[in-house]
Amino acid sequence: MNVDSDKCPECGGELPVVVPDGLTAAKRVIARFKGVKALSAATGIDMAAIYRWNYSKEKHGCDGRVPGAQHKKILAAAKARGINLKPEELINL
């Protein structure tokens, strides 16, 4: 499991965010930002677009992939918020 951390709003201590291995890139990014709403707020990417990343191609989705056009925006938002996210985590291996 990958572990990211965040600060407790009350005491300032570290809170672990556990991201299970085996996730698609889309689910991994959403988990790191603690949800679609937070990822959308941090990046300006429409929530509906983020949800579509998890849909199958048949349903006009991305099959768990994060569109390459969004990578820089996501990495910048992660860095600004102290989220440990590496570029290789944005692709499905």
C-alpha atoms as a PDB file:
ATOM      1  CA  MET A   1       0.000   0.000   0.000  1.00  0.00           C
ATOM      2  CA  ASN A   2       1.065   3.527  -0.697  1.00  0.00           C
ATOM      3  CA  VAL A   3       0.746   5.921   2.182  1.00  0.00           C
ATOM      4  CA  ASP A   4       0.331   9.646   1.794  1.00  0.00           C
ATOM      5  CA  SER A   5      -0.099  11.970   4.736  1.00  0.00           C
ATOM      6  CA  ASP A   6      -2.071  15.017   5.694  1.00  0.00           C
ATOM      7  CA  LYS A   7      -2.142  17.231   8.757  1.00  0.00           C
ATOM      8  CA  CYS A   8      -4.781  17.003  11.458  1.00  0.00           C
ATOM      9  CA  PRO A   9      -6.729  20.285  11.553  1.00  0.00           C
ATOM     10  CA  GLU A  10      -6.906  20.156  15.347  1.00  0.00           C
ATOM     11  CA  CYS A  11      -3.376  19.269  16.419  1.00  0.00           C
ATOM     12  CA  GLY A  12      -1.315  19.651  13.227  1.00  0.00           C
ATOM     13  CA  GLY A  13      -0.127  16.030  13.470  1.00  0.00           C
ATOM     14  CA  GLU A  14       0.236  13.785  10.465  1.00  0.00           C
ATOM     15  CA  LEU A  15      -2.776  11.753   9.343  1.00  0.00           C
ATOM     16  CA  PRO A  16      -2.033   8.846   7.000  1.00  0.00           C
ATOM     17  CA  VAL A  17      -4.023   8.438   3.823  1.00  0.00           C
ATOM     18  CA  VAL A  18      -3.783   4.826   2.695  1.00  0.00           C
ATOM     19  CA  VAL A  19      -4.125   4.247  -1.038  1.00  0.00           C
ATOM     20  CA  PRO A  20      -4.486   0.529  -1.881  1.00  0.00           C
ATOM     21  CA  ASP A  21      -2.227  -0.887  -4.577  1.00  0.00           C
ATOM     22  CA  GLY A  22      -3.901  -2.209  -7.696  1.00  0.00           C
ATOM     23  CA  LEU A  23      -6.069   0.860  -8.262  1.00  0.00           C
ATOM     24  CA  THR A  24      -6.482   2.430 -11.659  1.00  0.00           C
ATOM     25  CA  ALA A  25      -4.691   5.735 -12.132  1.00  0.00           C
ATOM     26  CA  ALA A  26      -8.022   7.580 -11.927  1.00  0.00           C
ATOM     27  CA  LYS A  27      -9.024   5.954  -8.638  1.00  0.00           C
ATOM     28  CA  ARG A  28      -5.523   6.478  -7.230  1.00  0.00           C
ATOM     29  CA  VAL A  29      -5.574  10.231  -7.986  1.00  0.00           C
ATOM     30  CA  ILE A  30      -9.094  10.634  -6.628  1.00  0.00           C
ATOM     31  CA  ALA A  31      -8.070   8.811  -3.425  1.00  0.00           C
ATOM     32  CA  ARG A  32      -4.972  10.977  -2.973  1.00  0.00           C
ATOM     33  CA  PHE A  33      -7.087  14.123  -3.157  1.00  0.00           C
ATOM     34  CA  LYS A  34      -9.687  12.510  -0.847  1.00  0.00           C
ATOM     35  CA  GLY A  35     -12.518  12.540  -3.341  1.00  0.00           C
ATOM     36  CA  VAL A  36     -13.811  13.840  -6.641  1.00  0.00           C
ATOM     37  CA  LYS A  37     -15.088  17.104  -5.165  1.00  0.00           C
ATOM     38  CA  ALA A  38     -11.721  17.937  -3.594  1.00  0.00           C
ATOM     39  CA  LEU A  39      -9.835  17.022  -6.795  1.00  0.00           C
ATOM     40  CA  SER A  40     -12.195  19.202  -8.821  1.00  0.00           C
ATOM     41  CA  ALA A  41     -11.792  22.128  -6.427  1.00  0.00           C
ATOM     42  CA  ALA A  42      -8.012  21.794  -6.441  1.00  0.00           C
ATOM     43  CA  THR A  43      -7.611  21.536 -10.207  1.00  0.00           C
ATOM     44  CA  GLY A  44     -10.622  23.274 -11.721  1.00  0.00           C
ATOM     45  CA  ILE A  45     -11.489  20.079 -13.622  1.00  0.00           C
ATOM     46  CA  ASP A  46     -15.242  19.526 -13.868  1.00  0.00           C
ATOM     47  CA  MET A  47     -16.521  16.851 -11.469  1.00  0.00           C
ATOM     48  CA  ALA A  48     -18.450  15.104 -14.257  1.00  0.00           C
ATOM     49  CA  ALA A  49     -15.234  14.813 -16.272  1.00  0.00           C
ATOM     50  CA  ILE A  50     -13.421  13.274 -13.305  1.00  0.00           C
ATOM     51  CA  TYR A  51     -16.220  10.736 -12.800  1.00  0.00           C
ATOM     52  CA  ARG A  52     -15.989   9.804 -16.501  1.00  0.00           C
ATOM     53  CA  TRP A  53     -12.350   8.781 -16.037  1.00  0.00           C
ATOM     54  CA  ASN A  54     -13.675   5.654 -14.301  1.00  0.00           C
ATOM     55  CA  TYR A  55     -16.347   4.843 -16.888  1.00  0.00           C
ATOM     56  CA  SER A  56     -15.730   2.279 -19.618  1.00  0.00           C
ATOM     57  CA  LYS A  57     -15.052   3.363 -23.200  1.00  0.00           C
ATOM     58  CA  GLU A  58     -18.528   2.043 -24.087  1.00  0.00           C
ATOM     59  CA  LYS A  59     -19.981   4.623 -21.684  1.00  0.00           C
ATOM     60  CA  HIS A  60     -17.773   7.374 -23.151  1.00  0.00           C
ATOM     61  CA  GLY A  61     -15.265   7.137 -20.323  1.00  0.00           C
ATOM     62  CA  CYS A  62     -11.522   6.646 -20.008  1.00  0.00           C
ATOM     63  CA  ASP A  63     -11.369   3.086 -18.581  1.00  0.00           C
ATOM     64  CA  GLY A  64      -9.631   4.241 -15.394  1.00  0.00           C
ATOM     65  CA  ARG A  65      -7.098   6.423 -17.177  1.00  0.00           C
ATOM     66  CA  VAL A  66      -6.321  10.051 -16.344  1.00  0.00           C
ATOM     67  CA  PRO A  67      -6.274  12.119 -19.559  1.00  0.00           C
ATOM     68  CA  GLY A  68      -2.765  13.268 -20.394  1.00  0.00           C
ATOM     69  CA  ALA A  69      -3.987  16.829 -20.907  1.00  0.00           C
ATOM     70  CA  GLN A  70      -4.762  16.981 -17.156  1.00  0.00           C
ATOM     71  CA  HIS A  71      -1.476  15.591 -15.788  1.00  0.00           C
ATOM     72  CA  LYS A  72       0.360  18.916 -15.322  1.00  0.00           C
ATOM     73  CA  LYS A  73      -2.642  20.515 -13.647  1.00  0.00           C
ATOM     74  CA  ILE A  74      -3.051  17.567 -11.252  1.00  0.00           C
ATOM     75  CA  LEU A  75       0.643  17.397 -10.372  1.00  0.00           C
ATOM     76  CA  ALA A  76       0.769  21.156  -9.708  1.00  0.00           C
ATOM     77  CA  ALA A  77      -2.309  20.963  -7.457  1.00  0.00           C
ATOM     78  CA  ALA A  78      -0.853  17.974  -5.583  1.00  0.00           C
ATOM     79  CA  LYS A  79       2.444  19.773  -5.022  1.00  0.00           C
ATOM     80  CA  ALA A  80       0.684  22.933  -3.823  1.00  0.00           C
ATOM     81  CA  ARG A  81      -1.252  20.870  -1.270  1.00  0.00           C
ATOM     82  CA  GLY A  82       1.656  18.728  -0.115  1.00  0.00           C
ATOM     83  CA  ILE A  83       0.196  15.560  -1.646  1.00  0.00           C
ATOM     84  CA  ASN A  84       2.865  13.019  -2.519  1.00  0.00           C
ATOM     85  CA  LEU A  85       1.916  12.179  -6.117  1.00  0.00           C
ATOM     86  CA  LYS A  86       4.450  11.077  -8.720  1.00  0.00           C
ATOM     87  CA  PRO A  87       3.956  11.463 -12.495  1.00  0.00           C
ATOM     88  CA  GLU A  88       4.103   7.690 -13.003  1.00  0.00           C
ATOM     89  CA  GLU A  89       1.091   7.289 -10.711  1.00  0.00           C
ATOM     90  CA  LEU A  90      -1.048   9.098 -13.278  1.00  0.00           C
ATOM     91  CA  ILE A  91      -0.786   6.234 -15.753  1.00  0.00           C
ATOM     92  CA  ASN A  92      -2.033   2.647 -15.596  1.00  0.00           C
ATOM     93  CA  LEU A  93       0.861   0.213 -15.652  1.00  0.00           C
END
